Amino acid sequence: MSILFGPIRQMGYVVQDIEAAMQHWTRALRVGPFYYAEDAPIHDFSYRGAASDVRASIALSYSGNMQIALIQQRNEAPSSFLDFLNAGRTGLHHVGFLSSNFNRDLHRAREAGLDVVQTSIIGGRDGKFAILSSDDPVRTKAALIATSDWNVDLFRMVEKEARRWDGSGPMRRFENWESVKEY
């Protein structure tokens, strides 16, 4: 377990084709169902201190208590996701840690020598998210994910559905972040 932030709770994969990635995870790996937002509600996005208008699709599922996040950037706005793709990479981009005290943990990250590469708000105003980087030779980044009533409820619902998933309805679209339907 990380002594800085606690256990890793998310593995975030940057992909070029999110629907193909969901199909791979559900068919080949039998991980699912995935809850998918084609136009994820990302606000106040900042990359290396400058505002950026990132548009992205995000899909979430669980394997045990590990959240699997698939991310496809839909435009050319500056971001660590785009840097990752432009370096010819796809796959594991970051490992995520849930934070009940986001500002404190962001301060602790900086004290530990991690750079805050990008920040955003996903979902409601309490959905703070930060990508952290270091001189790690593996180049896997860390992410801090603020816990809020909204995202904790969302994560619990997705995890509960993954635990009882029978293989049907492998991809479920978020029409908005409060409602889900199979597709």
N, C-alpha and C. Protein backbone atom coordinates (compact mmCIF):
# COMPACT_ATOMS: atom_id res chain seq x y z
N MET A 1 0.85 -1.18 0.00
CA MET A 1 0.00 0.00 0.00
C MET A 1 0.89 1.23 0.00
N SER A 2 0.46 2.24 -0.71
CA SER A 2 1.17 3.50 -0.72
C SER A 2 1.04 4.17 0.64
N ILE A 3 2.15 4.58 1.22
CA ILE A 3 2.07 5.28 2.51
C ILE A 3 1.80 6.77 2.31
N LEU A 4 1.85 7.23 1.07
CA LEU A 4 1.57 8.63 0.79
C LEU A 4 0.07 8.89 0.66
N PHE A 5 -0.63 8.04 -0.09
CA PHE A 5 -2.05 8.28 -0.35
C PHE A 5 -2.97 7.11 0.00
N GLY A 6 -2.45 5.97 0.39
CA GLY A 6 -3.29 4.80 0.62
C GLY A 6 -3.25 3.87 -0.57
N PRO A 7 -4.17 2.92 -0.65
CA PRO A 7 -4.12 1.93 -1.72
C PRO A 7 -4.50 2.51 -3.09
N ILE A 8 -3.92 1.93 -4.12
CA ILE A 8 -4.32 2.27 -5.49
C ILE A 8 -5.74 1.77 -5.70
N ARG A 9 -6.60 2.64 -6.19
CA ARG A 9 -8.01 2.26 -6.39
C ARG A 9 -8.45 2.35 -7.84
N GLN A 10 -7.59 2.92 -8.72
CA GLN A 10 -7.96 3.06 -10.13
C GLN A 10 -6.75 2.82 -11.01
N MET A 11 -6.99 2.13 -12.12
CA MET A 11 -6.00 2.03 -13.18
C MET A 11 -6.62 2.73 -14.38
N GLY A 12 -5.95 3.80 -14.83
CA GLY A 12 -6.48 4.63 -15.92
C GLY A 12 -5.73 4.37 -17.22
N TYR A 13 -6.46 3.91 -18.22
CA TYR A 13 -5.89 3.56 -19.52
C TYR A 13 -6.30 4.60 -20.56
N VAL A 14 -5.32 5.14 -21.26
CA VAL A 14 -5.60 6.04 -22.38
C VAL A 14 -5.61 5.19 -23.64
N VAL A 15 -6.70 5.31 -24.40
CA VAL A 15 -6.90 4.47 -25.57
C VAL A 15 -7.25 5.34 -26.78
N GLN A 16 -7.05 4.80 -27.96
CA GLN A 16 -7.42 5.51 -29.18
C GLN A 16 -8.86 5.24 -29.59
N ASP A 17 -9.40 4.09 -29.22
CA ASP A 17 -10.76 3.72 -29.59
C ASP A 17 -11.43 3.10 -28.36
N ILE A 18 -12.21 3.91 -27.65
CA ILE A 18 -12.77 3.48 -26.38
C ILE A 18 -13.78 2.34 -26.54
N GLU A 19 -14.52 2.34 -27.65
CA GLU A 19 -15.48 1.24 -27.84
C GLU A 19 -14.76 -0.07 -28.07
N ALA A 20 -13.67 -0.06 -28.85
CA ALA A 20 -12.87 -1.27 -29.05
C ALA A 20 -12.24 -1.71 -27.73
N ALA A 21 -11.80 -0.75 -26.93
CA ALA A 21 -11.19 -1.09 -25.63
C ALA A 21 -12.23 -1.73 -24.71
N MET A 22 -13.45 -1.18 -24.67
CA MET A 22 -14.50 -1.78 -23.84
C MET A 22 -14.81 -3.19 -24.32
N GLN A 23 -14.86 -3.38 -25.63
CA GLN A 23 -15.13 -4.73 -26.15
C GLN A 23 -14.02 -5.70 -25.74
N HIS A 24 -12.77 -5.26 -25.80
CA HIS A 24 -11.67 -6.12 -25.40
C HIS A 24 -11.79 -6.51 -23.92
N TRP A 25 -12.00 -5.52 -23.07
CA TRP A 25 -12.08 -5.79 -21.64
C TRP A 25 -13.27 -6.71 -21.32
N THR A 26 -14.41 -6.50 -21.97
CA THR A 26 -15.58 -7.31 -21.63
C THR A 26 -15.53 -8.69 -22.26
N ARG A 27 -15.04 -8.80 -23.49
CA ARG A 27 -15.02 -10.11 -24.17
C ARG A 27 -13.81 -10.95 -23.78
N ALA A 28 -12.62 -10.39 -23.91
CA ALA A 28 -11.40 -11.17 -23.68
C ALA A 28 -11.08 -11.32 -22.20
N LEU A 29 -11.28 -10.26 -21.42
CA LEU A 29 -10.89 -10.30 -20.02
C LEU A 29 -12.06 -10.54 -19.07
N ARG A 30 -13.27 -10.46 -19.61
CA ARG A 30 -14.50 -10.65 -18.83
C ARG A 30 -14.62 -9.68 -17.66
N VAL A 31 -14.18 -8.44 -17.91
CA VAL A 31 -14.33 -7.36 -16.95
C VAL A 31 -15.43 -6.46 -17.47
N GLY A 32 -16.41 -6.18 -16.64
CA GLY A 32 -17.51 -5.33 -17.05
C GLY A 32 -18.61 -5.37 -16.01
N PRO A 33 -19.71 -4.72 -16.29
CA PRO A 33 -19.97 -3.89 -17.45
C PRO A 33 -19.26 -2.55 -17.33
N PHE A 34 -19.11 -1.88 -18.46
CA PHE A 34 -18.53 -0.54 -18.48
C PHE A 34 -19.65 0.48 -18.57
N TYR A 35 -19.54 1.50 -17.75
CA TYR A 35 -20.44 2.65 -17.78
C TYR A 35 -19.70 3.75 -18.52
N TYR A 36 -20.32 4.26 -19.59
CA TYR A 36 -19.63 5.05 -20.59
C TYR A 36 -20.28 6.41 -20.80
N ALA A 37 -19.46 7.45 -20.76
CA ALA A 37 -19.92 8.80 -21.09
C ALA A 37 -19.13 9.26 -22.31
N GLU A 38 -19.83 9.40 -23.44
CA GLU A 38 -19.16 9.80 -24.67
C GLU A 38 -18.58 11.21 -24.55
N ASP A 39 -19.31 12.10 -23.92
CA ASP A 39 -18.84 13.46 -23.70
C ASP A 39 -18.84 13.70 -22.20
N ALA A 40 -17.77 13.26 -21.55
CA ALA A 40 -17.68 13.33 -20.09
C ALA A 40 -17.72 14.79 -19.63
N PRO A 41 -18.41 15.05 -18.52
CA PRO A 41 -18.53 16.42 -18.02
C PRO A 41 -17.23 16.87 -17.32
N ILE A 42 -16.28 17.34 -18.12
CA ILE A 42 -14.98 17.79 -17.61
C ILE A 42 -14.98 19.31 -17.61
N HIS A 43 -14.66 19.90 -16.46
CA HIS A 43 -14.69 21.35 -16.30
C HIS A 43 -13.36 21.84 -15.71
N ASP A 44 -13.09 23.10 -15.90
CA ASP A 44 -11.91 23.76 -15.30
C ASP A 44 -10.63 22.97 -15.54
N PHE A 45 -10.46 22.49 -16.76
CA PHE A 45 -9.30 21.68 -17.11
C PHE A 45 -8.08 22.59 -17.26
N SER A 46 -7.00 22.20 -16.61
CA SER A 46 -5.75 22.95 -16.70
C SER A 46 -4.61 21.97 -16.94
N TYR A 47 -3.77 22.29 -17.90
CA TYR A 47 -2.62 21.46 -18.22
C TYR A 47 -1.36 22.31 -18.09
N ARG A 48 -0.47 21.89 -17.22
CA ARG A 48 0.78 22.61 -16.94
C ARG A 48 0.51 24.09 -16.66
N GLY A 49 -0.57 24.34 -15.90
CA GLY A 49 -0.89 25.68 -15.44
C GLY A 49 -1.70 26.53 -16.41
N ALA A 50 -2.00 26.03 -17.60
CA ALA A 50 -2.77 26.79 -18.60
C ALA A 50 -4.10 26.11 -18.85
N ALA A 51 -5.14 26.90 -19.02
CA ALA A 51 -6.47 26.35 -19.32
C ALA A 51 -6.43 25.61 -20.66
N SER A 52 -7.17 24.51 -20.72
CA SER A 52 -7.25 23.71 -21.94
C SER A 52 -8.67 23.18 -22.05
N ASP A 53 -9.18 23.11 -23.26
CA ASP A 53 -10.57 22.69 -23.49
C ASP A 53 -10.62 21.22 -23.94
N VAL A 54 -10.23 20.33 -23.06
CA VAL A 54 -10.21 18.91 -23.38
C VAL A 54 -11.62 18.36 -23.47
N ARG A 55 -11.85 17.55 -24.49
CA ARG A 55 -13.09 16.78 -24.64
C ARG A 55 -12.68 15.32 -24.62
N ALA A 56 -13.38 14.54 -23.82
CA ALA A 56 -12.98 13.13 -23.68
C ALA A 56 -14.18 12.26 -23.40
N SER A 57 -14.02 11.00 -23.78
CA SER A 57 -14.96 9.95 -23.41
C SER A 57 -14.31 9.16 -22.28
N ILE A 58 -15.14 8.74 -21.32
CA ILE A 58 -14.64 7.98 -20.18
C ILE A 58 -15.58 6.80 -19.96
N ALA A 59 -14.97 5.63 -19.69
CA ALA A 59 -15.74 4.43 -19.35
C ALA A 59 -15.17 3.87 -18.06
N LEU A 60 -16.06 3.43 -17.16
CA LEU A 60 -15.65 2.90 -15.87
C LEU A 60 -16.22 1.51 -15.65
N SER A 61 -15.39 0.64 -15.06
CA SER A 61 -15.83 -0.66 -14.57
C SER A 61 -14.95 -1.02 -13.38
N TYR A 62 -15.14 -2.22 -12.87
CA TYR A 62 -14.34 -2.71 -11.75
C TYR A 62 -13.93 -4.14 -12.00
N SER A 63 -12.75 -4.47 -11.49
CA SER A 63 -12.30 -5.84 -11.33
C SER A 63 -11.97 -5.97 -9.86
N GLY A 64 -12.83 -6.69 -9.13
CA GLY A 64 -12.70 -6.70 -7.67
C GLY A 64 -12.94 -5.29 -7.16
N ASN A 65 -12.02 -4.77 -6.33
CA ASN A 65 -12.19 -3.40 -5.86
C ASN A 65 -11.33 -2.41 -6.63
N MET A 66 -10.77 -2.86 -7.76
CA MET A 66 -9.95 -1.99 -8.60
C MET A 66 -10.80 -1.39 -9.72
N GLN A 67 -10.88 -0.07 -9.75
CA GLN A 67 -11.61 0.60 -10.82
C GLN A 67 -10.75 0.63 -12.08
N ILE A 68 -11.37 0.28 -13.19
CA ILE A 68 -10.73 0.37 -14.50
C ILE A 68 -11.36 1.56 -15.21
N ALA A 69 -10.54 2.54 -15.57
CA ALA A 69 -11.02 3.72 -16.29
C ALA A 69 -10.39 3.72 -17.68
N LEU A 70 -11.22 3.84 -18.69
CA LEU A 70 -10.75 3.97 -20.07
C LEU A 70 -11.02 5.40 -20.51
N ILE A 71 -10.03 6.03 -21.13
CA ILE A 71 -10.12 7.44 -21.50
C ILE A 71 -9.72 7.60 -22.96
N GLN A 72 -10.59 8.22 -23.74
CA GLN A 72 -10.25 8.57 -25.11
C GLN A 72 -10.42 10.07 -25.27
N GLN A 73 -9.33 10.78 -25.53
CA GLN A 73 -9.43 12.20 -25.78
C GLN A 73 -10.01 12.40 -27.18
N ARG A 74 -10.97 13.33 -27.30
CA ARG A 74 -11.70 13.53 -28.55
C ARG A 74 -11.26 14.76 -29.33
N ASN A 75 -10.25 15.50 -28.84
CA ASN A 75 -9.77 16.67 -29.56
C ASN A 75 -8.26 16.78 -29.37
N GLU A 76 -7.69 17.84 -29.88
CA GLU A 76 -6.23 18.04 -29.84
C GLU A 76 -5.82 19.03 -28.75
N ALA A 77 -6.66 19.27 -27.78
CA ALA A 77 -6.33 20.21 -26.70
C ALA A 77 -5.16 19.66 -25.87
N PRO A 78 -4.28 20.53 -25.41
CA PRO A 78 -3.13 20.07 -24.62
C PRO A 78 -3.56 19.33 -23.36
N SER A 79 -2.93 18.16 -23.12
CA SER A 79 -3.21 17.35 -21.93
C SER A 79 -2.13 16.29 -21.79
N SER A 80 -2.07 15.68 -20.62
CA SER A 80 -1.14 14.55 -20.45
C SER A 80 -1.62 13.35 -21.26
N PHE A 81 -2.93 13.25 -21.50
CA PHE A 81 -3.46 12.16 -22.33
C PHE A 81 -2.94 12.28 -23.75
N LEU A 82 -2.99 13.51 -24.31
CA LEU A 82 -2.52 13.74 -25.67
C LEU A 82 -1.01 13.54 -25.76
N ASP A 83 -0.27 13.99 -24.76
CA ASP A 83 1.18 13.75 -24.74
C ASP A 83 1.48 12.26 -24.80
N PHE A 84 0.74 11.49 -24.04
CA PHE A 84 0.90 10.04 -23.97
C PHE A 84 0.68 9.42 -25.35
N LEU A 85 -0.40 9.81 -26.01
CA LEU A 85 -0.70 9.30 -27.35
C LEU A 85 0.33 9.76 -28.37
N ASN A 86 0.71 11.03 -28.30
CA ASN A 86 1.69 11.57 -29.25
C ASN A 86 3.06 10.94 -29.09
N ALA A 87 3.33 10.35 -27.93
CA ALA A 87 4.59 9.63 -27.71
C ALA A 87 4.50 8.20 -28.25
N GLY A 88 3.37 7.89 -28.90
CA GLY A 88 3.19 6.57 -29.48
C GLY A 88 2.74 5.52 -28.48
N ARG A 89 2.19 5.97 -27.37
CA ARG A 89 1.80 5.05 -26.32
C ARG A 89 0.27 4.96 -26.22
N THR A 90 -0.20 3.81 -25.81
CA THR A 90 -1.57 3.61 -25.35
C THR A 90 -1.46 2.65 -24.17
N GLY A 91 -2.50 2.58 -23.36
CA GLY A 91 -2.47 1.66 -22.23
C GLY A 91 -2.43 2.40 -20.91
N LEU A 92 -1.78 1.78 -19.93
CA LEU A 92 -1.79 2.32 -18.57
C LEU A 92 -1.13 3.69 -18.53
N HIS A 93 -1.93 4.68 -18.22
CA HIS A 93 -1.49 6.07 -18.14
C HIS A 93 -1.24 6.48 -16.69
N HIS A 94 -2.14 6.08 -15.79
CA HIS A 94 -1.99 6.47 -14.39
C HIS A 94 -2.60 5.44 -13.45
N VAL A 95 -2.14 5.50 -12.22
CA VAL A 95 -2.78 4.77 -11.13
C VAL A 95 -3.41 5.83 -10.23
N GLY A 96 -4.64 5.56 -9.80
CA GLY A 96 -5.40 6.58 -9.07
C GLY A 96 -5.58 6.25 -7.60
N PHE A 97 -5.55 7.30 -6.81
CA PHE A 97 -5.75 7.22 -5.36
C PHE A 97 -6.95 8.08 -5.00
N LEU A 98 -7.86 7.53 -4.20
CA LEU A 98 -9.00 8.31 -3.72
C LEU A 98 -8.54 9.18 -2.56
N SER A 99 -9.05 10.39 -2.52
CA SER A 99 -8.64 11.34 -1.50
C SER A 99 -9.84 11.98 -0.83
N SER A 100 -9.92 11.83 0.48
CA SER A 100 -10.99 12.49 1.23
C SER A 100 -10.59 13.91 1.62
N ASN A 101 -9.31 14.26 1.43
CA ASN A 101 -8.84 15.62 1.68
C ASN A 101 -7.92 16.00 0.53
N PHE A 102 -8.52 16.39 -0.56
CA PHE A 102 -7.82 16.62 -1.82
C PHE A 102 -6.73 17.68 -1.69
N ASN A 103 -7.04 18.81 -1.11
CA ASN A 103 -6.05 19.89 -1.01
C ASN A 103 -4.86 19.46 -0.17
N ARG A 104 -5.09 18.77 0.94
CA ARG A 104 -4.00 18.27 1.77
C ARG A 104 -3.14 17.29 0.97
N ASP A 105 -3.78 16.37 0.26
CA ASP A 105 -3.03 15.36 -0.48
C ASP A 105 -2.28 15.97 -1.66
N LEU A 106 -2.84 16.99 -2.28
CA LEU A 106 -2.13 17.68 -3.35
C LEU A 106 -0.87 18.35 -2.79
N HIS A 107 -0.99 18.94 -1.61
CA HIS A 107 0.17 19.55 -0.94
C HIS A 107 1.21 18.48 -0.61
N ARG A 108 0.77 17.35 -0.09
CA ARG A 108 1.68 16.24 0.23
C ARG A 108 2.38 15.73 -1.03
N ALA A 109 1.67 15.68 -2.15
CA ALA A 109 2.27 15.24 -3.40
C ALA A 109 3.41 16.17 -3.81
N ARG A 110 3.13 17.46 -3.71
CA ARG A 110 4.17 18.44 -4.07
C ARG A 110 5.38 18.31 -3.14
N GLU A 111 5.12 18.12 -1.85
CA GLU A 111 6.22 17.94 -0.89
C GLU A 111 7.05 16.70 -1.20
N ALA A 112 6.40 15.68 -1.77
CA ALA A 112 7.09 14.43 -2.12
C ALA A 112 7.83 14.54 -3.45
N GLY A 113 7.76 15.71 -4.10
CA GLY A 113 8.47 15.90 -5.35
C GLY A 113 7.68 15.59 -6.60
N LEU A 114 6.38 15.40 -6.46
CA LEU A 114 5.54 15.15 -7.63
C LEU A 114 5.06 16.48 -8.21
N ASP A 115 5.07 16.57 -9.52
CA ASP A 115 4.58 17.75 -10.22
C ASP A 115 3.10 17.58 -10.52
N VAL A 116 2.35 18.66 -10.35
CA VAL A 116 0.94 18.65 -10.74
C VAL A 116 0.90 18.99 -12.22
N VAL A 117 0.61 17.99 -13.05
CA VAL A 117 0.64 18.14 -14.50
C VAL A 117 -0.68 18.68 -15.02
N GLN A 118 -1.79 18.14 -14.52
CA GLN A 118 -3.10 18.63 -14.96
C GLN A 118 -4.10 18.49 -13.85
N THR A 119 -5.07 19.38 -13.88
CA THR A 119 -6.17 19.34 -12.92
C THR A 119 -7.47 19.56 -13.67
N SER A 120 -8.54 19.05 -13.08
CA SER A 120 -9.86 19.26 -13.67
C SER A 120 -10.92 18.95 -12.63
N ILE A 121 -12.12 19.21 -13.01
CA ILE A 121 -13.28 18.81 -12.22
C ILE A 121 -14.12 17.94 -13.14
N ILE A 122 -14.44 16.75 -12.67
CA ILE A 122 -15.25 15.81 -13.45
C ILE A 122 -16.55 15.60 -12.71
N GLY A 123 -17.65 15.89 -13.36
CA GLY A 123 -18.94 15.78 -12.71
C GLY A 123 -19.24 17.06 -11.95
N GLY A 124 -19.67 16.93 -10.70
CA GLY A 124 -20.03 18.09 -9.88
C GLY A 124 -18.81 18.85 -9.38
N ARG A 125 -19.06 19.96 -8.70
CA ARG A 125 -17.99 20.85 -8.26
C ARG A 125 -16.99 20.20 -7.33
N ASP A 126 -17.36 19.11 -6.67
CA ASP A 126 -16.46 18.42 -5.75
C ASP A 126 -15.66 17.32 -6.43
N GLY A 127 -15.82 17.14 -7.74
CA GLY A 127 -15.15 16.06 -8.46
C GLY A 127 -13.75 16.42 -8.91
N LYS A 128 -12.92 16.88 -7.98
CA LYS A 128 -11.56 17.30 -8.34
C LYS A 128 -10.71 16.10 -8.72
N PHE A 129 -9.85 16.33 -9.72
CA PHE A 129 -9.01 15.26 -10.27
C PHE A 129 -7.68 15.90 -10.66
N ALA A 130 -6.58 15.26 -10.29
CA ALA A 130 -5.26 15.79 -10.65
C ALA A 130 -4.36 14.66 -11.13
N ILE A 131 -3.59 14.95 -12.16
CA ILE A 131 -2.57 14.03 -12.64
C ILE A 131 -1.23 14.54 -12.13
N LEU A 132 -0.46 13.63 -11.52
CA LEU A 132 0.84 13.95 -10.93
C LEU A 132 1.92 13.20 -11.66
N SER A 133 3.10 13.81 -11.75
CA SER A 133 4.18 13.18 -12.48
C SER A 133 5.49 13.34 -11.72
N SER A 134 6.41 12.46 -12.00
CA SER A 134 7.75 12.54 -11.43
C SER A 134 8.72 12.11 -12.51
N ASP A 135 9.94 11.85 -12.11
CA ASP A 135 10.95 11.39 -13.07
C ASP A 135 10.94 9.87 -13.17
N ASP A 136 9.81 9.25 -12.90
CA ASP A 136 9.65 7.79 -12.93
C ASP A 136 10.06 7.23 -14.29
N PRO A 137 11.02 6.31 -14.33
CA PRO A 137 11.44 5.76 -15.62
C PRO A 137 10.34 4.96 -16.32
N VAL A 138 9.37 4.45 -15.58
CA VAL A 138 8.26 3.71 -16.18
C VAL A 138 7.27 4.68 -16.83
N ARG A 139 7.24 5.91 -16.36
CA ARG A 139 6.40 6.98 -16.87
C ARG A 139 4.92 6.79 -16.57
N THR A 140 4.61 5.98 -15.57
CA THR A 140 3.22 5.89 -15.14
C THR A 140 2.97 7.02 -14.16
N LYS A 141 1.91 7.74 -14.39
CA LYS A 141 1.59 8.87 -13.54
C LYS A 141 0.68 8.43 -12.40
N ALA A 142 0.56 9.29 -11.41
CA ALA A 142 -0.38 9.09 -10.31
C ALA A 142 -1.54 10.05 -10.52
N ALA A 143 -2.68 9.69 -10.02
CA ALA A 143 -3.85 10.58 -10.07
C ALA A 143 -4.44 10.66 -8.68
N LEU A 144 -4.85 11.86 -8.30
CA LEU A 144 -5.63 12.06 -7.09
C LEU A 144 -7.06 12.30 -7.49
N ILE A 145 -7.97 11.58 -6.86
CA ILE A 145 -9.39 11.67 -7.18
C ILE A 145 -10.12 12.04 -5.90
N ALA A 146 -10.63 13.25 -5.83
CA ALA A 146 -11.34 13.69 -4.63
C ALA A 146 -12.60 12.87 -4.46
N THR A 147 -12.85 12.43 -3.25
CA THR A 147 -14.10 11.72 -2.99
C THR A 147 -15.16 12.76 -2.62
N SER A 148 -16.34 12.52 -3.13
CA SER A 148 -17.49 13.36 -2.82
C SER A 148 -18.70 12.44 -2.74
N ASP A 149 -19.78 12.95 -2.20
CA ASP A 149 -20.99 12.11 -2.13
C ASP A 149 -21.36 11.61 -3.52
N TRP A 150 -21.23 12.48 -4.52
CA TRP A 150 -21.63 12.13 -5.87
C TRP A 150 -20.77 11.00 -6.43
N ASN A 151 -19.44 11.17 -6.43
CA ASN A 151 -18.65 10.14 -7.11
C ASN A 151 -18.54 8.87 -6.28
N VAL A 152 -18.60 8.95 -4.96
CA VAL A 152 -18.58 7.74 -4.16
C VAL A 152 -19.82 6.90 -4.46
N ASP A 153 -20.98 7.54 -4.55
CA ASP A 153 -22.20 6.81 -4.91
C ASP A 153 -22.08 6.21 -6.30
N LEU A 154 -21.55 6.97 -7.25
CA LEU A 154 -21.37 6.48 -8.61
C LEU A 154 -20.42 5.28 -8.62
N PHE A 155 -19.27 5.42 -7.96
CA PHE A 155 -18.29 4.33 -7.93
C PHE A 155 -18.87 3.08 -7.29
N ARG A 156 -19.62 3.24 -6.20
CA ARG A 156 -20.24 2.08 -5.53
C ARG A 156 -21.23 1.38 -6.45
N MET A 157 -22.03 2.17 -7.19
CA MET A 157 -23.00 1.58 -8.10
C MET A 157 -22.28 0.77 -9.18
N VAL A 158 -21.22 1.35 -9.78
CA VAL A 158 -20.50 0.66 -10.85
C VAL A 158 -19.83 -0.60 -10.29
N GLU A 159 -19.24 -0.51 -9.10
CA GLU A 159 -18.60 -1.68 -8.49
C GLU A 159 -19.62 -2.77 -8.17
N LYS A 160 -20.77 -2.38 -7.65
CA LYS A 160 -21.83 -3.36 -7.34
C LYS A 160 -22.30 -4.07 -8.60
N GLU A 161 -22.49 -3.32 -9.68
CA GLU A 161 -22.91 -3.93 -10.94
C GLU A 161 -21.84 -4.87 -11.49
N ALA A 162 -20.58 -4.52 -11.32
CA ALA A 162 -19.49 -5.39 -11.79
C ALA A 162 -19.46 -6.69 -11.01
N ARG A 163 -19.72 -6.63 -9.72
CA ARG A 163 -19.69 -7.84 -8.89
C ARG A 163 -20.79 -8.83 -9.28
N ARG A 164 -21.92 -8.32 -9.74
CA ARG A 164 -23.02 -9.22 -10.08
C ARG A 164 -23.21 -9.40 -11.60
N TRP A 165 -22.28 -8.89 -12.37
CA TRP A 165 -22.40 -8.90 -13.83
C TRP A 165 -22.41 -10.32 -14.37
N ASP A 166 -23.36 -10.62 -15.24
CA ASP A 166 -23.48 -11.96 -15.84
C ASP A 166 -23.04 -11.99 -17.30
N GLY A 167 -22.46 -10.92 -17.79
CA GLY A 167 -22.02 -10.85 -19.18
C GLY A 167 -22.99 -10.12 -20.09
N SER A 168 -24.21 -9.87 -19.61
CA SER A 168 -25.18 -9.16 -20.44
C SER A 168 -24.98 -7.66 -20.30
N GLY A 169 -25.39 -6.92 -21.32
CA GLY A 169 -25.28 -5.46 -21.28
C GLY A 169 -23.87 -4.99 -20.95
N PRO A 170 -22.87 -5.40 -21.73
CA PRO A 170 -21.48 -5.10 -21.35
C PRO A 170 -21.12 -3.62 -21.38
N MET A 171 -21.85 -2.82 -22.16
CA MET A 171 -21.56 -1.39 -22.25
C MET A 171 -22.84 -0.63 -21.96
N ARG A 172 -22.79 0.24 -20.98
CA ARG A 172 -23.97 0.99 -20.55
C ARG A 172 -23.66 2.48 -20.60
N ARG A 173 -24.43 3.18 -21.34
CA ARG A 173 -24.15 4.60 -21.60
C ARG A 173 -24.73 5.48 -20.49
N PHE A 174 -23.91 6.44 -20.06
CA PHE A 174 -24.40 7.51 -19.19
C PHE A 174 -25.06 8.53 -20.10
N GLU A 175 -26.37 8.69 -20.01
CA GLU A 175 -27.03 9.77 -20.76
C GLU A 175 -26.74 11.08 -20.05
N ASN A 176 -26.77 11.04 -18.76
CA ASN A 176 -26.20 12.09 -17.93
C ASN A 176 -25.62 11.34 -16.73
N TRP A 177 -24.93 11.99 -15.88
CA TRP A 177 -24.22 11.27 -14.83
C TRP A 177 -25.15 10.74 -13.75
N GLU A 178 -26.43 11.06 -13.84
CA GLU A 178 -27.38 10.54 -12.86
C GLU A 178 -28.18 9.35 -13.39
N SER A 179 -28.13 9.10 -14.70
CA SER A 179 -28.90 7.99 -15.22
C SER A 179 -28.04 7.14 -16.14
N VAL A 180 -28.35 5.87 -16.16
CA VAL A 180 -27.56 4.90 -16.93
C VAL A 180 -28.54 4.04 -17.71
N LYS A 181 -28.16 3.69 -18.95
CA LYS A 181 -28.98 2.74 -19.68
C LYS A 181 -28.06 1.82 -20.49
N GLU A 182 -28.51 0.61 -20.71
CA GLU A 182 -27.72 -0.33 -21.52
C GLU A 182 -27.81 0.04 -22.98
N TYR A 183 -26.77 -0.29 -23.73
CA TYR A 183 -26.80 -0.09 -25.18
C TYR A 183 -26.01 -1.15 -25.86
